[in-house]
Amino acid sequence: MRKSLHQGSLTISESVIDFILEVAIKETEGVHLVKKTLRKMVGKGKRSSFQYDNIHEDGGLALKVEIAIDFGEIIPYTCFVLQERIKNDVEKMTGLQVDEVNVVVSSLSIQADEE
């Protein structure tokens, strides 16, 4: 991801955003990563595990995560907490605007009791 600065530009690798997403998901109680997708609202192409749909030059990021949620968690609340964490973490750490954080709950997970 490229961002213009006063004295040049800043390029942030997609793997950096990928790592931020993974940490945000791990830090959200009751959530497990299944799949992640990053769309930059600028240009069109495909790199590594990310997909880009470029719409306009100064657009923000559209992030999509597919997750499993622990059985018994309140799904809408858990997803809201995850969306806020991802948006805040990515914007704070990268300075990039996040327009969307789309969450797909693809399964429920039952945690085995640790003895």
N, C-alpha and C. Protein backbone atom coordinates (compact mmCIF):
# COMPACT_ATOMS: atom_id res chain seq x y z
N MET A 1 0.85 -1.15 0.00
CA MET A 1 0.00 0.00 0.00
C MET A 1 0.90 1.22 0.00
N ARG A 2 0.60 2.14 -0.84
CA ARG A 2 1.43 3.33 -1.00
C ARG A 2 0.66 4.53 -0.48
N LYS A 3 1.36 5.38 0.29
CA LYS A 3 0.76 6.58 0.84
C LYS A 3 1.72 7.74 0.57
N SER A 4 1.18 8.82 0.03
CA SER A 4 2.00 10.00 -0.24
C SER A 4 2.24 10.78 1.04
N LEU A 5 3.50 11.21 1.21
CA LEU A 5 3.87 12.04 2.34
C LEU A 5 4.44 13.35 1.80
N HIS A 6 4.68 14.31 2.67
CA HIS A 6 5.20 15.61 2.24
C HIS A 6 6.58 15.51 1.59
N GLN A 7 7.42 14.62 2.07
CA GLN A 7 8.78 14.53 1.56
C GLN A 7 9.03 13.28 0.75
N GLY A 8 7.98 12.66 0.22
CA GLY A 8 8.13 11.44 -0.56
C GLY A 8 6.92 10.55 -0.39
N SER A 9 7.18 9.26 -0.33
CA SER A 9 6.06 8.34 -0.17
C SER A 9 6.43 7.24 0.82
N LEU A 10 5.42 6.57 1.31
CA LEU A 10 5.57 5.46 2.23
C LEU A 10 4.90 4.25 1.60
N THR A 11 5.61 3.13 1.55
CA THR A 11 5.04 1.90 1.03
C THR A 11 4.97 0.89 2.17
N ILE A 12 3.77 0.36 2.37
CA ILE A 12 3.56 -0.63 3.42
C ILE A 12 3.22 -1.95 2.74
N SER A 13 4.00 -2.96 3.02
CA SER A 13 3.81 -4.28 2.43
C SER A 13 2.46 -4.88 2.85
N GLU A 14 1.87 -5.64 1.93
CA GLU A 14 0.61 -6.32 2.24
C GLU A 14 0.79 -7.28 3.40
N SER A 15 1.98 -7.84 3.56
CA SER A 15 2.22 -8.78 4.66
C SER A 15 2.14 -8.08 6.01
N VAL A 16 2.40 -6.78 6.05
CA VAL A 16 2.27 -6.02 7.30
C VAL A 16 0.80 -5.93 7.70
N ILE A 17 -0.06 -5.62 6.75
CA ILE A 17 -1.49 -5.54 7.04
C ILE A 17 -2.02 -6.93 7.39
N ASP A 18 -1.53 -7.94 6.69
CA ASP A 18 -1.89 -9.31 6.97
C ASP A 18 -1.57 -9.66 8.43
N PHE A 19 -0.39 -9.28 8.89
CA PHE A 19 0.04 -9.56 10.26
C PHE A 19 -0.84 -8.82 11.27
N ILE A 20 -1.18 -7.56 10.97
CA ILE A 20 -2.05 -6.78 11.86
C ILE A 20 -3.40 -7.46 12.00
N LEU A 21 -3.95 -7.97 10.87
CA LEU A 21 -5.23 -8.68 10.92
C LEU A 21 -5.14 -9.92 11.78
N GLU A 22 -4.08 -10.69 11.60
CA GLU A 22 -3.92 -11.92 12.36
C GLU A 22 -3.82 -11.65 13.86
N VAL A 23 -3.09 -10.63 14.25
CA VAL A 23 -2.94 -10.29 15.66
C VAL A 23 -4.28 -9.81 16.22
N ALA A 24 -5.00 -8.97 15.49
CA ALA A 24 -6.30 -8.46 15.95
C ALA A 24 -7.28 -9.61 16.18
N ILE A 25 -7.26 -10.59 15.27
CA ILE A 25 -8.15 -11.74 15.42
C ILE A 25 -7.75 -12.59 16.62
N LYS A 26 -6.45 -12.83 16.79
CA LYS A 26 -5.99 -13.63 17.94
C LYS A 26 -6.32 -12.95 19.27
N GLU A 27 -6.31 -11.61 19.28
CA GLU A 27 -6.56 -10.86 20.51
C GLU A 27 -8.05 -10.70 20.82
N THR A 28 -8.92 -11.10 19.90
CA THR A 28 -10.35 -10.99 20.13
C THR A 28 -10.86 -12.31 20.69
N GLU A 29 -11.37 -12.27 21.89
CA GLU A 29 -11.80 -13.49 22.59
C GLU A 29 -12.93 -14.18 21.83
N GLY A 30 -12.77 -15.49 21.66
CA GLY A 30 -13.81 -16.30 21.03
C GLY A 30 -13.77 -16.33 19.52
N VAL A 31 -12.71 -15.78 18.90
CA VAL A 31 -12.63 -15.68 17.44
C VAL A 31 -11.39 -16.41 16.94
N HIS A 32 -11.56 -17.13 15.82
CA HIS A 32 -10.46 -17.85 15.19
C HIS A 32 -10.47 -17.55 13.70
N LEU A 33 -9.29 -17.31 13.13
CA LEU A 33 -9.15 -16.96 11.72
C LEU A 33 -9.41 -18.16 10.83
N VAL A 34 -10.17 -17.94 9.76
CA VAL A 34 -10.35 -18.93 8.72
C VAL A 34 -9.68 -18.42 7.44
N LYS A 35 -9.96 -17.16 7.05
CA LYS A 35 -9.42 -16.60 5.82
C LYS A 35 -9.49 -15.08 5.88
N LYS A 36 -8.56 -14.40 5.19
CA LYS A 36 -8.59 -12.93 5.14
C LYS A 36 -8.40 -12.44 3.71
N THR A 37 -9.02 -11.32 3.39
CA THR A 37 -8.90 -10.71 2.06
C THR A 37 -8.78 -9.21 2.23
N LEU A 38 -7.89 -8.62 1.47
CA LEU A 38 -7.68 -7.18 1.50
C LEU A 38 -8.00 -6.62 0.13
N ARG A 39 -8.86 -5.62 0.08
CA ARG A 39 -9.13 -4.93 -1.18
C ARG A 39 -8.75 -3.48 -1.00
N LYS A 40 -7.93 -3.00 -1.88
CA LYS A 40 -7.57 -1.58 -1.86
C LYS A 40 -8.48 -0.89 -2.83
N MET A 41 -9.10 0.16 -2.41
CA MET A 41 -10.03 0.87 -3.28
C MET A 41 -9.27 1.76 -4.26
N VAL A 42 -8.39 1.13 -5.07
CA VAL A 42 -7.62 1.84 -6.10
C VAL A 42 -6.97 0.82 -7.02
N GLY A 43 -7.17 0.83 -8.34
CA GLY A 43 -6.50 -0.07 -9.28
C GLY A 43 -7.08 -1.47 -9.29
N LYS A 44 -6.56 -2.36 -10.09
CA LYS A 44 -7.07 -3.73 -10.13
C LYS A 44 -5.92 -4.69 -10.35
N GLY A 45 -5.87 -5.75 -9.60
CA GLY A 45 -4.80 -6.72 -9.75
C GLY A 45 -4.87 -7.74 -8.64
N LYS A 46 -3.94 -8.66 -8.64
CA LYS A 46 -3.93 -9.69 -7.59
C LYS A 46 -2.49 -9.96 -7.20
N ARG A 47 -2.24 -9.93 -5.91
CA ARG A 47 -0.91 -10.22 -5.38
C ARG A 47 -1.06 -11.13 -4.18
N SER A 48 -0.18 -12.05 -4.04
CA SER A 48 -0.13 -13.00 -2.93
C SER A 48 -1.53 -13.46 -2.53
N SER A 49 -1.86 -13.38 -1.24
CA SER A 49 -3.17 -13.85 -0.79
C SER A 49 -4.20 -12.72 -0.74
N PHE A 50 -3.87 -11.56 -1.28
CA PHE A 50 -4.76 -10.42 -1.23
C PHE A 50 -5.39 -10.15 -2.58
N GLN A 51 -6.58 -9.59 -2.57
CA GLN A 51 -7.25 -9.17 -3.79
C GLN A 51 -7.47 -7.66 -3.72
N TYR A 52 -7.30 -7.00 -4.85
CA TYR A 52 -7.46 -5.55 -4.90
C TYR A 52 -8.56 -5.19 -5.88
N ASP A 53 -9.48 -4.36 -5.46
CA ASP A 53 -10.46 -3.78 -6.35
C ASP A 53 -10.27 -2.28 -6.27
N ASN A 54 -9.64 -1.70 -7.27
CA ASN A 54 -9.35 -0.28 -7.23
C ASN A 54 -10.54 0.50 -7.77
N ILE A 55 -11.04 1.40 -6.95
CA ILE A 55 -12.20 2.18 -7.35
C ILE A 55 -11.82 3.63 -7.58
N HIS A 56 -11.18 4.29 -6.65
CA HIS A 56 -10.74 5.67 -6.83
C HIS A 56 -9.42 5.87 -6.11
N GLU A 57 -8.69 6.89 -6.52
CA GLU A 57 -7.31 7.05 -6.07
C GLU A 57 -7.14 7.22 -4.57
N ASP A 58 -7.97 8.00 -3.93
CA ASP A 58 -7.78 8.26 -2.50
C ASP A 58 -8.68 7.41 -1.63
N GLY A 59 -9.16 6.29 -2.17
CA GLY A 59 -10.05 5.42 -1.40
C GLY A 59 -9.31 4.69 -0.31
N GLY A 60 -10.06 4.16 0.60
CA GLY A 60 -9.48 3.42 1.71
C GLY A 60 -9.46 1.93 1.43
N LEU A 61 -9.16 1.19 2.46
CA LEU A 61 -9.08 -0.27 2.35
C LEU A 61 -10.44 -0.89 2.68
N ALA A 62 -10.73 -1.98 2.01
CA ALA A 62 -11.87 -2.81 2.36
C ALA A 62 -11.29 -4.16 2.76
N LEU A 63 -11.46 -4.52 4.01
CA LEU A 63 -10.89 -5.75 4.54
C LEU A 63 -12.01 -6.76 4.75
N LYS A 64 -11.70 -8.02 4.48
CA LYS A 64 -12.68 -9.08 4.70
C LYS A 64 -11.99 -10.21 5.44
N VAL A 65 -12.61 -10.66 6.52
CA VAL A 65 -12.08 -11.79 7.27
C VAL A 65 -13.17 -12.84 7.41
N GLU A 66 -12.78 -14.08 7.25
CA GLU A 66 -13.68 -15.20 7.45
C GLU A 66 -13.23 -15.87 8.74
N ILE A 67 -14.17 -16.01 9.69
CA ILE A 67 -13.80 -16.47 11.02
C ILE A 67 -14.69 -17.61 11.50
N ALA A 68 -14.21 -18.26 12.52
CA ALA A 68 -15.01 -19.21 13.31
C ALA A 68 -15.15 -18.56 14.69
N ILE A 69 -16.33 -18.69 15.26
CA ILE A 69 -16.60 -18.11 16.58
C ILE A 69 -16.89 -19.25 17.55
N ASP A 70 -16.39 -19.11 18.76
CA ASP A 70 -16.65 -20.11 19.78
C ASP A 70 -18.14 -20.20 20.07
N PHE A 71 -18.63 -21.41 20.20
CA PHE A 71 -20.03 -21.65 20.52
C PHE A 71 -20.36 -20.95 21.85
N GLY A 72 -21.47 -20.24 21.87
CA GLY A 72 -21.89 -19.54 23.08
C GLY A 72 -21.58 -18.05 23.04
N GLU A 73 -20.70 -17.62 22.15
CA GLU A 73 -20.41 -16.19 22.00
C GLU A 73 -21.60 -15.50 21.33
N ILE A 74 -21.83 -14.25 21.64
CA ILE A 74 -22.88 -13.46 21.00
C ILE A 74 -22.31 -12.97 19.67
N ILE A 75 -22.78 -13.55 18.59
CA ILE A 75 -22.17 -13.34 17.27
C ILE A 75 -22.15 -11.87 16.85
N PRO A 76 -23.29 -11.14 16.88
CA PRO A 76 -23.23 -9.73 16.43
C PRO A 76 -22.27 -8.89 17.27
N TYR A 77 -22.27 -9.07 18.57
CA TYR A 77 -21.38 -8.29 19.44
C TYR A 77 -19.92 -8.64 19.18
N THR A 78 -19.62 -9.93 19.08
CA THR A 78 -18.25 -10.37 18.84
C THR A 78 -17.73 -9.83 17.52
N CYS A 79 -18.56 -9.84 16.49
CA CYS A 79 -18.15 -9.31 15.18
C CYS A 79 -17.93 -7.81 15.23
N PHE A 80 -18.78 -7.09 15.96
CA PHE A 80 -18.61 -5.64 16.12
C PHE A 80 -17.28 -5.33 16.80
N VAL A 81 -16.97 -6.07 17.88
CA VAL A 81 -15.71 -5.86 18.59
C VAL A 81 -14.53 -6.12 17.65
N LEU A 82 -14.61 -7.19 16.87
CA LEU A 82 -13.54 -7.52 15.92
C LEU A 82 -13.40 -6.44 14.85
N GLN A 83 -14.52 -5.97 14.29
CA GLN A 83 -14.46 -4.91 13.27
C GLN A 83 -13.78 -3.66 13.82
N GLU A 84 -14.17 -3.24 15.00
CA GLU A 84 -13.58 -2.04 15.60
C GLU A 84 -12.09 -2.23 15.86
N ARG A 85 -11.71 -3.40 16.37
CA ARG A 85 -10.30 -3.66 16.65
C ARG A 85 -9.47 -3.62 15.37
N ILE A 86 -9.95 -4.29 14.32
CA ILE A 86 -9.22 -4.32 13.05
C ILE A 86 -9.09 -2.92 12.47
N LYS A 87 -10.20 -2.20 12.40
CA LYS A 87 -10.19 -0.84 11.83
C LYS A 87 -9.22 0.06 12.59
N ASN A 88 -9.35 0.07 13.92
CA ASN A 88 -8.48 0.93 14.74
C ASN A 88 -7.02 0.54 14.63
N ASP A 89 -6.72 -0.76 14.69
CA ASP A 89 -5.32 -1.21 14.62
C ASP A 89 -4.68 -0.87 13.28
N VAL A 90 -5.37 -1.16 12.18
CA VAL A 90 -4.80 -0.90 10.86
C VAL A 90 -4.61 0.60 10.64
N GLU A 91 -5.61 1.41 10.99
CA GLU A 91 -5.49 2.85 10.80
C GLU A 91 -4.40 3.45 11.68
N LYS A 92 -4.34 3.01 12.93
CA LYS A 92 -3.34 3.56 13.86
C LYS A 92 -1.93 3.19 13.44
N MET A 93 -1.72 1.94 13.07
CA MET A 93 -0.36 1.47 12.78
C MET A 93 0.13 1.85 11.39
N THR A 94 -0.78 2.02 10.42
CA THR A 94 -0.35 2.28 9.04
C THR A 94 -0.65 3.69 8.56
N GLY A 95 -1.62 4.36 9.17
CA GLY A 95 -2.05 5.67 8.68
C GLY A 95 -2.96 5.57 7.48
N LEU A 96 -3.30 4.36 7.06
CA LEU A 96 -4.19 4.16 5.92
C LEU A 96 -5.64 4.18 6.40
N GLN A 97 -6.53 4.68 5.55
CA GLN A 97 -7.95 4.72 5.87
C GLN A 97 -8.59 3.36 5.62
N VAL A 98 -9.37 2.89 6.56
CA VAL A 98 -10.12 1.64 6.39
C VAL A 98 -11.58 2.01 6.21
N ASP A 99 -12.11 1.74 5.02
CA ASP A 99 -13.51 2.05 4.72
C ASP A 99 -14.46 0.95 5.18
N GLU A 100 -14.03 -0.30 5.07
CA GLU A 100 -14.90 -1.42 5.39
C GLU A 100 -14.12 -2.52 6.09
N VAL A 101 -14.76 -3.16 7.05
CA VAL A 101 -14.26 -4.40 7.63
C VAL A 101 -15.44 -5.37 7.57
N ASN A 102 -15.41 -6.27 6.61
CA ASN A 102 -16.49 -7.23 6.41
C ASN A 102 -16.12 -8.54 7.08
N VAL A 103 -17.03 -9.04 7.91
CA VAL A 103 -16.78 -10.27 8.67
C VAL A 103 -17.77 -11.33 8.21
N VAL A 104 -17.24 -12.50 7.86
CA VAL A 104 -18.06 -13.65 7.51
C VAL A 104 -17.83 -14.72 8.58
N VAL A 105 -18.90 -15.09 9.27
CA VAL A 105 -18.81 -16.16 10.26
C VAL A 105 -19.15 -17.45 9.52
N SER A 106 -18.14 -18.27 9.27
CA SER A 106 -18.35 -19.47 8.46
C SER A 106 -18.57 -20.73 9.30
N SER A 107 -18.25 -20.64 10.61
CA SER A 107 -18.47 -21.82 11.44
C SER A 107 -18.43 -21.45 12.91
N LEU A 108 -18.93 -22.37 13.71
CA LEU A 108 -18.83 -22.24 15.16
C LEU A 108 -17.81 -23.27 15.63
N SER A 109 -17.16 -22.94 16.73
CA SER A 109 -16.11 -23.81 17.27
C SER A 109 -16.45 -24.17 18.71
N ILE A 110 -16.32 -25.44 19.03
CA ILE A 110 -16.51 -25.87 20.42
C ILE A 110 -15.12 -26.15 20.98
N GLN A 111 -14.78 -25.43 22.03
CA GLN A 111 -13.48 -25.58 22.65
C GLN A 111 -13.49 -26.74 23.62
N ALA A 112 -12.54 -27.64 23.49
CA ALA A 112 -12.41 -28.76 24.42
C ALA A 112 -11.91 -28.23 25.77
N ASP A 113 -12.46 -28.74 26.83
CA ASP A 113 -12.01 -28.32 28.17
C ASP A 113 -10.60 -28.81 28.40
N GLU A 114 -9.75 -27.87 28.86
CA GLU A 114 -8.36 -28.23 29.17
C GLU A 114 -8.31 -28.77 30.59
N GLU A 115 -7.75 -29.93 30.74
CA GLU A 115 -7.69 -30.53 32.08
C GLU A 115 -6.27 -30.66 32.54
